[in-house]
Amino acid sequence: MGTGIAQLVATHGCFVNIIDSVPDALHHSKSNLHSVLNRLIEKVKISEADS
């Protein structure tokens, strides 16, 4: 849920920091966020500069 909120806020122009006490969860969130943003770029929903 936190990754989705971070993605929504980031795509609206805000800087986002994701913090988690579990390093693996943080890595997983970062990986998911990159995947979602890359899919949005491929579908031309956002520009690469917006990601």
PDB file of N, CA and C in Angstrom:
ATOM      1  N   MET A   1       0.822  -1.185   0.000  1.00  0.00           N
ATOM      2  CA  MET A   1       0.000   0.000   0.000  1.00  0.00           C
ATOM      3  C   MET A   1       0.867   1.251   0.000  1.00  0.00           C
ATOM      4  N   GLY A   2       1.917   1.276   0.783  1.00  0.00           N
ATOM      5  CA  GLY A   2       2.782   2.446   0.858  1.00  0.00           C
ATOM      6  C   GLY A   2       3.461   2.759  -0.463  1.00  0.00           C
ATOM      7  N   THR A   3       3.842   1.713  -1.209  1.00  0.00           N
ATOM      8  CA  THR A   3       4.484   1.927  -2.497  1.00  0.00           C
ATOM      9  C   THR A   3       3.523   2.584  -3.475  1.00  0.00           C
ATOM     10  N   GLY A   4       2.274   2.173  -3.456  1.00  0.00           N
ATOM     11  CA  GLY A   4       1.270   2.781  -4.329  1.00  0.00           C
ATOM     12  C   GLY A   4       1.041   4.245  -4.009  1.00  0.00           C
ATOM     13  N   ILE A   5       1.019   4.563  -2.740  1.00  0.00           N
ATOM     14  CA  ILE A   5       0.859   5.960  -2.323  1.00  0.00           C
ATOM     15  C   ILE A   5       2.083   6.756  -2.756  1.00  0.00           C
ATOM     16  N   ALA A   6       3.257   6.200  -2.573  1.00  0.00           N
ATOM     17  CA  ALA A   6       4.489   6.874  -2.987  1.00  0.00           C
ATOM     18  C   ALA A   6       4.489   7.127  -4.489  1.00  0.00           C
ATOM     19  N   GLN A   7       4.044   6.158  -5.261  1.00  0.00           N
ATOM     20  CA  GLN A   7       3.986   6.308  -6.720  1.00  0.00           C
ATOM     21  C   GLN A   7       3.007   7.396  -7.112  1.00  0.00           C
ATOM     22  N   LEU A   8       1.858   7.428  -6.499  1.00  0.00           N
ATOM     23  CA  LEU A   8       0.846   8.437  -6.798  1.00  0.00           C
ATOM     24  C   LEU A   8       1.370   9.837  -6.501  1.00  0.00           C
ATOM     25  N   VAL A   9       1.968  10.009  -5.350  1.00  0.00           N
ATOM     26  CA  VAL A   9       2.489  11.318  -4.950  1.00  0.00           C
ATOM     27  C   VAL A   9       3.656  11.727  -5.860  1.00  0.00           C
ATOM     28  N   ALA A  10       4.542  10.787  -6.175  1.00  0.00           N
ATOM     29  CA  ALA A  10       5.700  11.089  -7.020  1.00  0.00           C
ATOM     30  C   ALA A  10       5.286  11.486  -8.430  1.00  0.00           C
ATOM     31  N   THR A  11       4.281  10.825  -8.983  1.00  0.00           N
ATOM     32  CA  THR A  11       3.849  11.160 -10.338  1.00  0.00           C
ATOM     33  C   THR A  11       3.104  12.483 -10.395  1.00  0.00           C
ATOM     34  N   HIS A  12       2.801  13.043  -9.251  1.00  0.00           N
ATOM     35  CA  HIS A  12       2.186  14.374  -9.205  1.00  0.00           C
ATOM     36  C   HIS A  12       3.204  15.450  -8.835  1.00  0.00           C
ATOM     37  N   GLY A  13       4.498  15.107  -8.959  1.00  0.00           N
ATOM     38  CA  GLY A  13       5.547  16.103  -8.844  1.00  0.00           C
ATOM     39  C   GLY A  13       6.200  16.277  -7.495  1.00  0.00           C
ATOM     40  N   CYS A  14       5.863  15.452  -6.541  1.00  0.00           N
ATOM     41  CA  CYS A  14       6.468  15.588  -5.212  1.00  0.00           C
ATOM     42  C   CYS A  14       7.636  14.615  -5.058  1.00  0.00           C
ATOM     43  N   PHE A  15       8.639  15.024  -4.304  1.00  0.00           N
ATOM     44  CA  PHE A  15       9.729  14.118  -3.967  1.00  0.00           C
ATOM     45  C   PHE A  15       9.250  13.186  -2.859  1.00  0.00           C
ATOM     46  N   VAL A  16       9.655  11.915  -2.960  1.00  0.00           N
ATOM     47  CA  VAL A  16       9.177  10.894  -2.028  1.00  0.00           C
ATOM     48  C   VAL A  16      10.366  10.121  -1.465  1.00  0.00           C
ATOM     49  N   ASN A  17      10.347   9.883  -0.180  1.00  0.00           N
ATOM     50  CA  ASN A  17      11.297   8.984   0.484  1.00  0.00           C
ATOM     51  C   ASN A  17      10.508   7.814   1.039  1.00  0.00           C
ATOM     52  N   ILE A  18      10.954   6.611   0.711  1.00  0.00           N
ATOM     53  CA  ILE A  18      10.323   5.412   1.248  1.00  0.00           C
ATOM     54  C   ILE A  18      11.241   4.869   2.337  1.00  0.00           C
ATOM     55  N   ILE A  19      10.700   4.679   3.512  1.00  0.00           N
ATOM     56  CA  ILE A  19      11.471   4.200   4.659  1.00  0.00           C
ATOM     57  C   ILE A  19      10.810   2.937   5.194  1.00  0.00           C
ATOM     58  N   ASP A  20      11.623   1.937   5.487  1.00  0.00           N
ATOM     59  CA  ASP A  20      11.099   0.699   6.060  1.00  0.00           C
ATOM     60  C   ASP A  20      12.146   0.123   6.994  1.00  0.00           C
ATOM     61  N   SER A  21      11.710  -0.484   8.063  1.00  0.00           N
ATOM     62  CA  SER A  21      12.648  -1.080   9.020  1.00  0.00           C
ATOM     63  C   SER A  21      13.193  -2.422   8.535  1.00  0.00           C
ATOM     64  N   VAL A  22      12.589  -2.972   7.499  1.00  0.00           N
ATOM     65  CA  VAL A  22      13.023  -4.255   6.950  1.00  0.00           C
ATOM     66  C   VAL A  22      13.683  -4.000   5.589  1.00  0.00           C
ATOM     67  N   PRO A  23      14.996  -4.187   5.478  1.00  0.00           N
ATOM     68  CA  PRO A  23      15.695  -3.890   4.224  1.00  0.00           C
ATOM     69  C   PRO A  23      15.124  -4.612   3.003  1.00  0.00           C
ATOM     70  N   ASP A  24      14.710  -5.868   3.166  1.00  0.00           N
ATOM     71  CA  ASP A  24      14.148  -6.606   2.037  1.00  0.00           C
ATOM     72  C   ASP A  24      12.837  -5.991   1.559  1.00  0.00           C
ATOM     73  N   ALA A  25      12.024  -5.516   2.475  1.00  0.00           N
ATOM     74  CA  ALA A  25      10.763  -4.873   2.103  1.00  0.00           C
ATOM     75  C   ALA A  25      11.030  -3.576   1.360  1.00  0.00           C
ATOM     76  N   LEU A  26      12.030  -2.849   1.778  1.00  0.00           N
ATOM     77  CA  LEU A  26      12.398  -1.604   1.108  1.00  0.00           C
ATOM     78  C   LEU A  26      12.881  -1.890  -0.311  1.00  0.00           C
ATOM     79  N   HIS A  27      13.710  -2.895  -0.464  1.00  0.00           N
ATOM     80  CA  HIS A  27      14.196  -3.285  -1.790  1.00  0.00           C
ATOM     81  C   HIS A  27      13.032  -3.710  -2.681  1.00  0.00           C
ATOM     82  N   HIS A  28      12.103  -4.477  -2.135  1.00  0.00           N
ATOM     83  CA  HIS A  28      10.934  -4.937  -2.884  1.00  0.00           C
ATOM     84  C   HIS A  28      10.075  -3.749  -3.325  1.00  0.00           C
ATOM     85  N   SER A  29       9.855  -2.795  -2.450  1.00  0.00           N
ATOM     86  CA  SER A  29       9.071  -1.602  -2.784  1.00  0.00           C
ATOM     87  C   SER A  29       9.740  -0.801  -3.889  1.00  0.00           C
ATOM     88  N   LYS A  30      11.042  -0.623  -3.786  1.00  0.00           N
ATOM     89  CA  LYS A  30      11.783   0.133  -4.799  1.00  0.00           C
ATOM     90  C   LYS A  30      11.702  -0.565  -6.151  1.00  0.00           C
ATOM     91  N   SER A  31      11.846  -1.870  -6.153  1.00  0.00           N
ATOM     92  CA  SER A  31      11.760  -2.644  -7.387  1.00  0.00           C
ATOM     93  C   SER A  31      10.373  -2.527  -8.016  1.00  0.00           C
ATOM     94  N   ASN A  32       9.334  -2.654  -7.192  1.00  0.00           N
ATOM     95  CA  ASN A  32       7.964  -2.528  -7.695  1.00  0.00           C
ATOM     96  C   ASN A  32       7.705  -1.140  -8.254  1.00  0.00           C
ATOM     97  N   LEU A  33       8.197  -0.123  -7.582  1.00  0.00           N
ATOM     98  CA  LEU A  33       7.998   1.251  -8.022  1.00  0.00           C
ATOM     99  C   LEU A  33       8.659   1.478  -9.378  1.00  0.00           C
ATOM    100  N   HIS A  34       9.863   0.979  -9.557  1.00  0.00           N
ATOM    101  CA  HIS A  34      10.542   1.106 -10.848  1.00  0.00           C
ATOM    102  C   HIS A  34       9.757   0.391 -11.943  1.00  0.00           C
ATOM    103  N   SER A  35       9.236  -0.784 -11.657  1.00  0.00           N
ATOM    104  CA  SER A  35       8.463  -1.540 -12.642  1.00  0.00           C
ATOM    105  C   SER A  35       7.211  -0.791 -13.063  1.00  0.00           C
ATOM    106  N   VAL A  36       6.489  -0.248 -12.097  1.00  0.00           N
ATOM    107  CA  VAL A  36       5.256   0.491 -12.393  1.00  0.00           C
ATOM    108  C   VAL A  36       5.571   1.727 -13.224  1.00  0.00           C
ATOM    109  N   LEU A  37       6.581   2.481 -12.833  1.00  0.00           N
ATOM    110  CA  LEU A  37       6.933   3.695 -13.577  1.00  0.00           C
ATOM    111  C   LEU A  37       7.391   3.364 -14.991  1.00  0.00           C
ATOM    112  N   ASN A  38       8.152   2.294 -15.161  1.00  0.00           N
ATOM    113  CA  ASN A  38       8.574   1.893 -16.505  1.00  0.00           C
ATOM    114  C   ASN A  38       7.388   1.491 -17.368  1.00  0.00           C
ATOM    115  N   ARG A  39       6.409   0.800 -16.797  1.00  0.00           N
ATOM    116  CA  ARG A  39       5.204   0.437 -17.560  1.00  0.00           C
ATOM    117  C   ARG A  39       4.427   1.682 -17.964  1.00  0.00           C
ATOM    118  N   LEU A  40       4.322   2.658 -17.073  1.00  0.00           N
ATOM    119  CA  LEU A  40       3.622   3.900 -17.403  1.00  0.00           C
ATOM    120  C   LEU A  40       4.344   4.659 -18.516  1.00  0.00           C
ATOM    121  N   ILE A  41       5.670   4.645 -18.500  1.00  0.00           N
ATOM    122  CA  ILE A  41       6.440   5.291 -19.565  1.00  0.00           C
ATOM    123  C   ILE A  41       6.191   4.578 -20.886  1.00  0.00           C
ATOM    124  N   GLU A  42       6.230   3.241 -20.882  1.00  0.00           N
ATOM    125  CA  GLU A  42       6.009   2.462 -22.101  1.00  0.00           C
ATOM    126  C   GLU A  42       4.622   2.707 -22.679  1.00  0.00           C
ATOM    127  N   LYS A  43       3.641   2.887 -21.835  1.00  0.00           N
ATOM    128  CA  LYS A  43       2.270   3.124 -22.293  1.00  0.00           C
ATOM    129  C   LYS A  43       2.016   4.601 -22.576  1.00  0.00           C
ATOM    130  N   VAL A  44       3.061   5.415 -22.460  1.00  0.00           N
ATOM    131  CA  VAL A  44       3.012   6.862 -22.701  1.00  0.00           C
ATOM    132  C   VAL A  44       1.985   7.535 -21.790  1.00  0.00           C
ATOM    133  N   LYS A  45       1.822   6.998 -20.596  1.00  0.00           N
ATOM    134  CA  LYS A  45       0.951   7.624 -19.603  1.00  0.00           C
ATOM    135  C   LYS A  45       1.691   8.760 -18.901  1.00  0.00           C
ATOM    136  N   ILE A  46       3.029   8.597 -18.778  1.00  0.00           N
ATOM    137  CA  ILE A  46       3.859   9.649 -18.194  1.00  0.00           C
ATOM    138  C   ILE A  46       5.129   9.754 -19.028  1.00  0.00           C
ATOM    139  N   SER A  47       5.796  10.881 -18.952  1.00  0.00           N
ATOM    140  CA  SER A  47       7.067  11.038 -19.649  1.00  0.00           C
ATOM    141  C   SER A  47       8.190  10.493 -18.772  1.00  0.00           C
ATOM    142  N   GLU A  48       9.318  10.239 -19.398  1.00  0.00           N
ATOM    143  CA  GLU A  48      10.455   9.740 -18.623  1.00  0.00           C
ATOM    144  C   GLU A  48      10.906  10.785 -17.607  1.00  0.00           C
ATOM    145  N   ALA A  49      10.768  12.057 -17.945  1.00  0.00           N
ATOM    146  CA  ALA A  49      11.138  13.127 -17.011  1.00  0.00           C
ATOM    147  C   ALA A  49      10.231  13.132 -15.788  1.00  0.00           C
ATOM    148  N   ASP A  50       8.958  12.745 -15.953  1.00  0.00           N
ATOM    149  CA  ASP A  50       8.021  12.705 -14.831  1.00  0.00           C
ATOM    150  C   ASP A  50       8.304  11.559 -13.877  1.00  0.00           C
ATOM    151  N   SER A  51       8.959  10.518 -14.378  1.00  0.00           N
ATOM    152  CA  SER A  51       9.219   9.369 -13.518  1.00  0.00           C
ATOM    153  C   SER A  51      10.369   9.679 -12.611  1.00  0.00           C
TER     154      SER A  51
END
